[in-house]
Amino acid sequence: MVLGLILPSLIGFMFVMIAAYAGALRALEVYFDPEQNRIFLSDDYEPPDGQ
């Protein structure tokens, strides 16, 4: 009974945590890579280079 509640909750929690971790890694990769467009992380209104 209790396992029927805990197991799906644990699976859902792990899915959300893995997705958040992957999203954070992707955001850091885009932020530190000078070749990729990182306009969404900056606060200035100048267009990015090359566009």
PDB file of N, CA and C in Angstrom:
ATOM      1  N   MET A   1       0.826  -1.195   0.000  1.00  0.00           N
ATOM      2  CA  MET A   1       0.000   0.000   0.000  1.00  0.00           C
ATOM      3  C   MET A   1       0.872   1.261   0.000  1.00  0.00           C
ATOM      4  N   VAL A   2       1.743   1.362   0.977  1.00  0.00           N
ATOM      5  CA  VAL A   2       2.622   2.526   1.061  1.00  0.00           C
ATOM      6  C   VAL A   2       3.594   2.542  -0.103  1.00  0.00           C
ATOM      7  N   LEU A   3       4.076   1.357  -0.487  1.00  0.00           N
ATOM      8  CA  LEU A   3       5.003   1.271  -1.619  1.00  0.00           C
ATOM      9  C   LEU A   3       4.333   1.731  -2.912  1.00  0.00           C
ATOM     10  N   GLY A   4       3.025   1.516  -3.031  1.00  0.00           N
ATOM     11  CA  GLY A   4       2.274   1.957  -4.200  1.00  0.00           C
ATOM     12  C   GLY A   4       2.210   3.474  -4.310  1.00  0.00           C
ATOM     13  N   LEU A   5       2.376   4.191  -3.212  1.00  0.00           N
ATOM     14  CA  LEU A   5       2.408   5.651  -3.226  1.00  0.00           C
ATOM     15  C   LEU A   5       3.827   6.194  -3.343  1.00  0.00           C
ATOM     16  N   ILE A   6       4.741   5.572  -2.653  1.00  0.00           N
ATOM     17  CA  ILE A   6       6.115   6.083  -2.603  1.00  0.00           C
ATOM     18  C   ILE A   6       6.852   5.866  -3.920  1.00  0.00           C
ATOM     19  N   LEU A   7       6.698   4.698  -4.514  1.00  0.00           N
ATOM     20  CA  LEU A   7       7.435   4.386  -5.742  1.00  0.00           C
ATOM     21  C   LEU A   7       7.090   5.333  -6.899  1.00  0.00           C
ATOM     22  N   PRO A   8       5.821   5.571  -7.230  1.00  0.00           N
ATOM     23  CA  PRO A   8       5.525   6.537  -8.304  1.00  0.00           C
ATOM     24  C   PRO A   8       5.975   7.966  -7.958  1.00  0.00           C
ATOM     25  N   SER A   9       5.861   8.339  -6.689  1.00  0.00           N
ATOM     26  CA  SER A   9       6.321   9.670  -6.283  1.00  0.00           C
ATOM     27  C   SER A   9       7.829   9.793  -6.446  1.00  0.00           C
ATOM     28  N   LEU A  10       8.552   8.763  -6.081  1.00  0.00           N
ATOM     29  CA  LEU A  10      10.001   8.765  -6.210  1.00  0.00           C
ATOM     30  C   LEU A  10      10.419   8.813  -7.681  1.00  0.00           C
ATOM     31  N   ILE A  11       9.732   8.072  -8.522  1.00  0.00           N
ATOM     32  CA  ILE A  11      10.044   8.088  -9.957  1.00  0.00           C
ATOM     33  C   ILE A  11       9.775   9.472 -10.550  1.00  0.00           C
ATOM     34  N   GLY A  12       8.662  10.076 -10.184  1.00  0.00           N
ATOM     35  CA  GLY A  12       8.352  11.425 -10.675  1.00  0.00           C
ATOM     36  C   GLY A  12       9.355  12.452 -10.185  1.00  0.00           C
ATOM     37  N   PHE A  13       9.730  12.356  -8.920  1.00  0.00           N
ATOM     38  CA  PHE A  13      10.704  13.282  -8.355  1.00  0.00           C
ATOM     39  C   PHE A  13      12.054  13.147  -9.061  1.00  0.00           C
ATOM     40  N   MET A  14      12.486  11.926  -9.293  1.00  0.00           N
ATOM     41  CA  MET A  14      13.765  11.700  -9.972  1.00  0.00           C
ATOM     42  C   MET A  14      13.719  12.235 -11.406  1.00  0.00           C
ATOM     43  N   PHE A  15      12.597  12.067 -12.093  1.00  0.00           N
ATOM     44  CA  PHE A  15      12.458  12.590 -13.448  1.00  0.00           C
ATOM     45  C   PHE A  15      12.595  14.114 -13.455  1.00  0.00           C
ATOM     46  N   VAL A  16      11.944  14.780 -12.518  1.00  0.00           N
ATOM     47  CA  VAL A  16      12.015  16.242 -12.439  1.00  0.00           C
ATOM     48  C   VAL A  16      13.433  16.693 -12.102  1.00  0.00           C
ATOM     49  N   MET A  17      14.092  16.011 -11.179  1.00  0.00           N
ATOM     50  CA  MET A  17      15.454  16.393 -10.786  1.00  0.00           C
ATOM     51  C   MET A  17      16.448  16.191 -11.932  1.00  0.00           C
ATOM     52  N   ILE A  18      16.315  15.109 -12.675  1.00  0.00           N
ATOM     53  CA  ILE A  18      17.202  14.871 -13.821  1.00  0.00           C
ATOM     54  C   ILE A  18      16.963  15.922 -14.901  1.00  0.00           C
ATOM     55  N   ALA A  19      15.698  16.274 -15.141  1.00  0.00           N
ATOM     56  CA  ALA A  19      15.392  17.307 -16.139  1.00  0.00           C
ATOM     57  C   ALA A  19      15.944  18.668 -15.715  1.00  0.00           C
ATOM     58  N   ALA A  20      15.848  18.998 -14.442  1.00  0.00           N
ATOM     59  CA  ALA A  20      16.394  20.271 -13.951  1.00  0.00           C
ATOM     60  C   ALA A  20      17.918  20.285 -14.064  1.00  0.00           C
ATOM     61  N   TYR A  21      18.551  19.176 -13.749  1.00  0.00           N
ATOM     62  CA  TYR A  21      20.009  19.076 -13.857  1.00  0.00           C
ATOM     63  C   TYR A  21      20.451  19.224 -15.316  1.00  0.00           C
ATOM     64  N   ALA A  22      19.764  18.546 -16.231  1.00  0.00           N
ATOM     65  CA  ALA A  22      20.110  18.649 -17.645  1.00  0.00           C
ATOM     66  C   ALA A  22      19.880  20.067 -18.161  1.00  0.00           C
ATOM     67  N   GLY A  23      18.821  20.713 -17.725  1.00  0.00           N
ATOM     68  CA  GLY A  23      18.564  22.085 -18.140  1.00  0.00           C
ATOM     69  C   GLY A  23      19.619  23.048 -17.629  1.00  0.00           C
ATOM     70  N   ALA A  24      20.059  22.843 -16.398  1.00  0.00           N
ATOM     71  CA  ALA A  24      21.111  23.698 -15.839  1.00  0.00           C
ATOM     72  C   ALA A  24      22.424  23.501 -16.584  1.00  0.00           C
ATOM     73  N   LEU A  25      22.758  22.258 -16.912  1.00  0.00           N
ATOM     74  CA  LEU A  25      23.980  22.002 -17.679  1.00  0.00           C
ATOM     75  C   LEU A  25      23.910  22.646 -19.057  1.00  0.00           C
ATOM     76  N   ARG A  26      22.756  22.572 -19.701  1.00  0.00           N
ATOM     77  CA  ARG A  26      22.589  23.171 -21.033  1.00  0.00           C
ATOM     78  C   ARG A  26      22.705  24.692 -20.956  1.00  0.00           C
ATOM     79  N   ALA A  27      22.111  25.302 -19.939  1.00  0.00           N
ATOM     80  CA  ALA A  27      22.195  26.753 -19.786  1.00  0.00           C
ATOM     81  C   ALA A  27      23.640  27.190 -19.558  1.00  0.00           C
ATOM     82  N   LEU A  28      24.377  26.455 -18.745  1.00  0.00           N
ATOM     83  CA  LEU A  28      25.778  26.796 -18.513  1.00  0.00           C
ATOM     84  C   LEU A  28      26.611  26.599 -19.770  1.00  0.00           C
ATOM     85  N   GLU A  29      26.306  25.568 -20.538  1.00  0.00           N
ATOM     86  CA  GLU A  29      27.036  25.329 -21.789  1.00  0.00           C
ATOM     87  C   GLU A  29      26.823  26.472 -22.769  1.00  0.00           C
ATOM     88  N   VAL A  30      25.585  26.927 -22.907  1.00  0.00           N
ATOM     89  CA  VAL A  30      25.290  28.035 -23.810  1.00  0.00           C
ATOM     90  C   VAL A  30      25.918  29.323 -23.293  1.00  0.00           C
ATOM     91  N   TYR A  31      25.890  29.540 -21.990  1.00  0.00           N
ATOM     92  CA  TYR A  31      26.413  30.775 -21.408  1.00  0.00           C
ATOM     93  C   TYR A  31      27.922  30.904 -21.611  1.00  0.00           C
ATOM     94  N   PHE A  32      28.652  29.820 -21.464  1.00  0.00           N
ATOM     95  CA  PHE A  32      30.107  29.891 -21.541  1.00  0.00           C
ATOM     96  C   PHE A  32      30.670  29.615 -22.939  1.00  0.00           C
ATOM     97  N   ASP A  33      29.834  29.264 -23.921  1.00  0.00           N
ATOM     98  CA  ASP A  33      30.308  29.005 -25.280  1.00  0.00           C
ATOM     99  C   ASP A  33      30.157  30.280 -26.107  1.00  0.00           C
ATOM    100  N   PRO A  34      31.264  30.894 -26.546  1.00  0.00           N
ATOM    101  CA  PRO A  34      31.160  32.157 -27.294  1.00  0.00           C
ATOM    102  C   PRO A  34      30.561  31.983 -28.686  1.00  0.00           C
ATOM    103  N   GLU A  35      30.448  30.769 -29.190  1.00  0.00           N
ATOM    104  CA  GLU A  35      29.907  30.534 -30.529  1.00  0.00           C
ATOM    105  C   GLU A  35      28.385  30.429 -30.537  1.00  0.00           C
ATOM    106  N   GLN A  36      27.774  30.248 -29.386  1.00  0.00           N
ATOM    107  CA  GLN A  36      26.325  30.066 -29.338  1.00  0.00           C
ATOM    108  C   GLN A  36      25.635  31.358 -28.911  1.00  0.00           C
ATOM    109  N   ASN A  37      24.387  31.491 -29.300  1.00  0.00           N
ATOM    110  CA  ASN A  37      23.594  32.671 -28.984  1.00  0.00           C
ATOM    111  C   ASN A  37      23.162  32.616 -27.526  1.00  0.00           C
ATOM    112  N   ARG A  38      23.615  33.555 -26.730  1.00  0.00           N
ATOM    113  CA  ARG A  38      23.252  33.572 -25.318  1.00  0.00           C
ATOM    114  C   ARG A  38      22.501  34.855 -24.957  1.00  0.00           C
ATOM    115  N   ILE A  39      21.750  35.393 -25.881  1.00  0.00           N
ATOM    116  CA  ILE A  39      21.063  36.654 -25.660  1.00  0.00           C
ATOM    117  C   ILE A  39      20.045  36.542 -24.524  1.00  0.00           C
ATOM    118  N   PHE A  40      19.484  35.341 -24.290  1.00  0.00           N
ATOM    119  CA  PHE A  40      18.481  35.208 -23.247  1.00  0.00           C
ATOM    120  C   PHE A  40      19.078  35.320 -21.847  1.00  0.00           C
ATOM    121  N   LEU A  41      20.403  35.244 -21.718  1.00  0.00           N
ATOM    122  CA  LEU A  41      21.039  35.357 -20.416  1.00  0.00           C
ATOM    123  C   LEU A  41      21.663  36.735 -20.173  1.00  0.00           C
ATOM    124  N   SER A  42      21.595  37.630 -21.144  1.00  0.00           N
ATOM    125  CA  SER A  42      22.214  38.937 -20.972  1.00  0.00           C
ATOM    126  C   SER A  42      21.137  39.998 -20.737  1.00  0.00           C
ATOM    127  N   ASP A  43      21.553  41.137 -20.231  1.00  0.00           N
ATOM    128  CA  ASP A  43      20.585  42.187 -19.949  1.00  0.00           C
ATOM    129  C   ASP A  43      20.738  43.397 -20.867  1.00  0.00           C
ATOM    130  N   ASP A  44      21.575  43.304 -21.879  1.00  0.00           N
ATOM    131  CA  ASP A  44      21.686  44.411 -22.825  1.00  0.00           C
ATOM    132  C   ASP A  44      20.806  44.136 -24.040  1.00  0.00           C
ATOM    133  N   TYR A  45      20.527  45.185 -24.814  1.00  0.00           N
ATOM    134  CA  TYR A  45      19.582  45.056 -25.910  1.00  0.00           C
ATOM    135  C   TYR A  45      20.249  45.095 -27.271  1.00  0.00           C
ATOM    136  N   GLU A  46      21.550  44.932 -27.332  1.00  0.00           N
ATOM    137  CA  GLU A  46      22.249  44.904 -28.610  1.00  0.00           C
ATOM    138  C   GLU A  46      22.065  43.527 -29.264  1.00  0.00           C
ATOM    139  N   PRO A  47      21.914  43.493 -30.594  1.00  0.00           N
ATOM    140  CA  PRO A  47      21.788  42.188 -31.259  1.00  0.00           C
ATOM    141  C   PRO A  47      23.111  41.403 -31.162  1.00  0.00           C
ATOM    142  N   PRO A  48      23.031  40.085 -31.112  1.00  0.00           N
ATOM    143  CA  PRO A  48      24.260  39.283 -31.038  1.00  0.00           C
ATOM    144  C   PRO A  48      25.074  39.402 -32.315  1.00  0.00           C
ATOM    145  N   ASP A  49      26.368  39.172 -32.210  1.00  0.00           N
ATOM    146  CA  ASP A  49      27.255  39.249 -33.373  1.00  0.00           C
ATOM    147  C   ASP A  49      26.880  38.181 -34.391  1.00  0.00           C
ATOM    148  N   GLY A  50      27.003  38.518 -35.656  1.00  0.00           N
ATOM    149  CA  GLY A  50      26.768  37.555 -36.729  1.00  0.00           C
ATOM    150  C   GLY A  50      25.341  37.465 -37.187  1.00  0.00           C
ATOM    151  N   GLN A  51      24.481  38.329 -36.678  1.00  0.00           N
ATOM    152  CA  GLN A  51      23.092  38.277 -37.137  1.00  0.00           C
ATOM    153  C   GLN A  51      22.672  39.601 -37.696  1.00  0.00           C
TER     154      GLN A  51
END
